[in-house]
Protein backbone atom coordinates (compact mmCIF):
# COMPACT_ATOMS: atom_id res chain seq x y z
CA UNK A 1 75.30 4.21 3.07
CA UNK A 2 77.00 2.36 5.90
CA UNK A 3 77.36 3.70 9.38
CA UNK A 4 80.78 5.01 10.22
CA UNK A 5 81.11 2.36 12.92
CA UNK A 6 79.66 -0.71 11.16
CA UNK A 7 76.65 -2.22 12.92
CA UNK A 8 76.90 -0.13 16.07
CA UNK A 9 73.80 2.04 15.69
CA UNK A 10 73.74 5.43 17.39
CA UNK A 11 70.58 7.32 18.30
CA UNK A 12 70.28 10.96 17.31
CA UNK A 13 70.51 13.27 20.27
CA UNK A 14 70.47 16.80 18.85
CA UNK A 15 67.33 18.73 17.90
CA UNK A 16 65.04 16.26 19.69
CA UNK A 17 62.71 16.74 22.62
CA UNK A 18 61.64 13.60 24.50
CA UNK A 19 58.97 12.93 27.09
CA UNK A 20 58.55 9.57 28.82
CA UNK A 21 54.95 8.65 29.60
CA UNK A 22 53.69 5.30 30.92
CA UNK A 23 54.23 2.68 28.22
CA UNK A 24 55.55 5.11 25.58
CA UNK A 25 58.26 7.58 24.71
CA UNK A 26 57.27 10.71 22.79
CA UNK A 27 59.97 12.20 20.57
CA UNK A 28 59.63 15.54 18.78
CA UNK A 29 62.11 16.25 15.98
CA UNK A 30 62.74 20.00 16.06
CA UNK A 31 64.63 19.85 12.76
CA UNK A 32 61.88 18.14 10.75
CA UNK A 33 58.89 19.26 12.89
CA UNK A 34 57.62 15.71 13.29
CA UNK A 35 56.52 13.89 16.42
CA UNK A 36 56.84 10.16 17.08
CA UNK A 37 55.45 7.79 19.67
CA UNK A 38 57.72 4.81 20.46
CA UNK A 39 56.33 1.84 22.35
CA UNK A 40 58.46 0.32 25.13
CA UNK A 41 60.25 -2.09 22.79
CA UNK A 42 61.23 0.58 20.25
CA UNK A 43 62.09 3.06 23.04
CA UNK A 44 64.37 0.56 24.81
CA UNK A 45 66.23 -0.16 21.57
CA UNK A 46 66.53 3.56 20.70
CA UNK A 47 67.68 4.62 24.17
CA UNK A 48 70.41 1.96 24.08
CA UNK A 49 71.74 2.72 20.61
CA UNK A 50 74.87 4.43 21.88
CA UNK A 51 77.28 3.62 19.04
CA UNK A 52 79.01 0.97 21.18
CA UNK A 53 76.37 -1.80 21.24
CA UNK A 54 75.81 -4.18 18.35
CA UNK A 55 72.56 -5.95 17.45
CA UNK A 56 73.21 -9.08 19.59
CA UNK A 57 73.99 -6.86 22.59
CA UNK A 58 70.80 -4.83 22.03
CA UNK A 59 68.81 -8.07 21.80
CA UNK A 60 70.30 -9.31 25.08
CA UNK A 61 69.61 -5.99 26.78
CA UNK A 62 65.98 -6.07 25.61
CA UNK A 63 65.68 -9.70 26.74
CA UNK A 64 67.05 -8.82 30.18
CA UNK A 65 64.69 -5.84 30.47
CA UNK A 66 61.64 -7.93 29.55
CA UNK A 67 62.78 -11.21 31.12
CA UNK A 68 62.04 -12.97 27.85
CA UNK A 69 63.99 -14.33 24.88
CA UNK A 70 64.38 -11.80 22.06
CA UNK A 71 65.26 -12.74 18.50
CA UNK A 72 67.70 -10.37 16.79
CA UNK A 73 65.14 -9.90 14.01
CA UNK A 74 63.06 -7.83 16.46
CA UNK A 75 66.05 -5.49 16.87
CA UNK A 76 66.48 -5.24 13.09
CA UNK A 77 62.81 -4.29 12.73
CA UNK A 78 63.21 -1.61 15.41
CA UNK A 79 66.36 -0.26 13.73
CA UNK A 80 64.59 -0.18 10.37
CA UNK A 81 61.75 1.88 11.86
CA UNK A 82 64.14 4.17 13.75
CA UNK A 83 66.14 4.75 10.56
CA UNK A 84 63.00 5.55 8.54
CA UNK A 85 61.95 8.02 11.27
CA UNK A 86 65.38 9.72 11.12
CA UNK A 87 66.02 8.91 14.79
CA UNK A 88 69.44 7.35 14.14
CA UNK A 89 72.63 9.27 13.31
CA UNK A 90 73.45 7.11 10.27
CA UNK A 91 71.93 4.33 8.23
CA UNK A 92 72.44 0.80 9.54
CA UNK A 93 74.29 -1.67 7.34
CA UNK A 94 72.18 -4.77 7.10
CA UNK A 95 73.87 -8.17 7.17
CA UNK A 96 74.12 -10.01 3.87
CA UNK A 97 71.22 -12.38 3.37
CA UNK A 98 68.87 -10.70 5.85
CA UNK A 99 65.99 -9.03 4.03
CA UNK A 100 64.17 -6.14 5.69
CA UNK A 101 61.34 -7.52 7.79
CA UNK A 102 57.86 -6.28 8.57
CA UNK A 103 55.91 -6.84 11.78
CA UNK A 104 53.75 -9.26 9.80
CA UNK A 105 56.86 -11.26 8.81
CA UNK A 106 57.91 -11.59 12.46
CA UNK A 107 54.46 -12.81 13.48
CA UNK A 108 54.41 -15.28 10.60
CA UNK A 109 57.82 -16.80 11.45
CA UNK A 110 57.04 -16.81 15.18
CA UNK A 111 60.05 -15.02 16.71
CA UNK A 112 58.19 -12.92 19.26
CA UNK A 113 57.56 -14.93 22.40
CA UNK A 114 56.25 -12.52 25.04
CA UNK A 115 57.90 -9.33 23.75
CA UNK A 116 55.88 -6.62 22.02
CA UNK A 117 56.77 -5.76 18.46
CA UNK A 118 58.66 -2.49 18.12
CA UNK A 119 56.25 0.20 17.00
CA UNK A 120 56.92 3.80 16.02
CA UNK A 121 53.95 5.95 15.14
CA UNK A 122 54.22 9.42 13.64
CA UNK A 123 51.94 11.89 15.42
CA UNK A 124 50.45 14.92 13.69
CA UNK A 125 51.72 18.04 15.39
CA UNK A 126 49.87 21.35 15.03
CA UNK A 127 51.31 24.20 13.02
CA UNK A 128 52.34 27.26 15.03
CA UNK A 129 49.20 29.12 13.90
CA UNK A 130 47.01 26.36 15.34
CA UNK A 131 48.50 26.50 18.82
CA UNK A 132 46.72 29.71 19.93
CA UNK A 133 44.13 29.44 22.65
CA UNK A 134 40.58 29.88 21.38
CA UNK A 135 38.45 32.48 23.12
CA UNK A 136 34.71 33.07 23.11
CA UNK A 137 33.16 35.87 21.08
CA UNK A 138 32.03 37.62 24.27
CA UNK A 139 35.57 37.45 25.73
CA UNK A 140 36.96 38.89 22.49
CA UNK A 141 34.34 41.66 22.45
CA UNK A 142 35.18 42.51 26.08
CA UNK A 143 38.84 43.15 25.25
CA UNK A 144 39.98 46.71 24.67
CA UNK A 145 42.40 47.92 22.04
CA UNK A 146 45.31 47.60 21.40
CA UNK A 147 45.33 44.23 23.19
CA UNK A 148 42.75 42.32 21.16
CA UNK A 149 45.29 39.51 20.99
CA UNK A 150 44.56 37.89 17.65
CA UNK A 151 43.43 34.69 19.41
CA UNK A 152 41.23 32.31 17.37
CA UNK A 153 37.57 32.61 18.27
CA UNK A 154 36.10 29.40 19.67
CA UNK A 155 32.80 29.69 17.83
CA UNK A 156 34.14 31.08 14.57
CA UNK A 157 35.17 29.27 11.44
CA UNK A 158 38.64 29.11 9.95
CA UNK A 159 40.32 32.50 9.79
CA UNK A 160 38.19 34.11 12.52
CA UNK A 161 40.30 35.85 15.11
CA UNK A 162 39.86 38.48 17.77
CA UNK A 163 40.75 41.70 15.95
CA UNK A 164 40.52 45.44 16.64
CA UNK A 165 37.22 47.07 15.64
CA UNK A 166 36.99 50.84 15.78
CA UNK A 167 38.74 52.87 18.47
CA UNK A 168 38.00 51.01 21.69
CA UNK A 169 36.66 47.50 21.10
CA UNK A 170 37.42 44.12 19.52
CA UNK A 171 35.36 41.45 17.81
CA UNK A 172 35.74 38.07 16.14
CA UNK A 173 36.48 38.53 12.43
């Protein structure tokens, strides 16, 4: 499938939560429940995919940002990774004769200079049931009904939660 605007990639904006941290951009896809960590190179490309910039313009922007020459193949690798991570609105139409490249290919042909390879890493995100705060058995036992809370017990195995026991107390079950 080609993009509706040729080779003017556009980053997805909806159903994403982003957080910039030093050296990385964290992106959580609310639609697919997947989290990604983009290094500076991949983040710069993604943030500047606005549907109006082509690959040469993205390469120049990245070169200006890093004060270093950037081969367009680095941009193509970033776009390939962004597409596979569903962080672009549409698929990118690759130019005829340019095969998809890996990071290893770019190292082998020596196009990097001083720029870091674009890297996108998927991060395991916990299921909703795993996000509860664990409590100690004594804290669970000290709770009174009906507010036992159902929190996971910190010293229990899988499936042990603070549950109501009898009329007026709780325990880890």
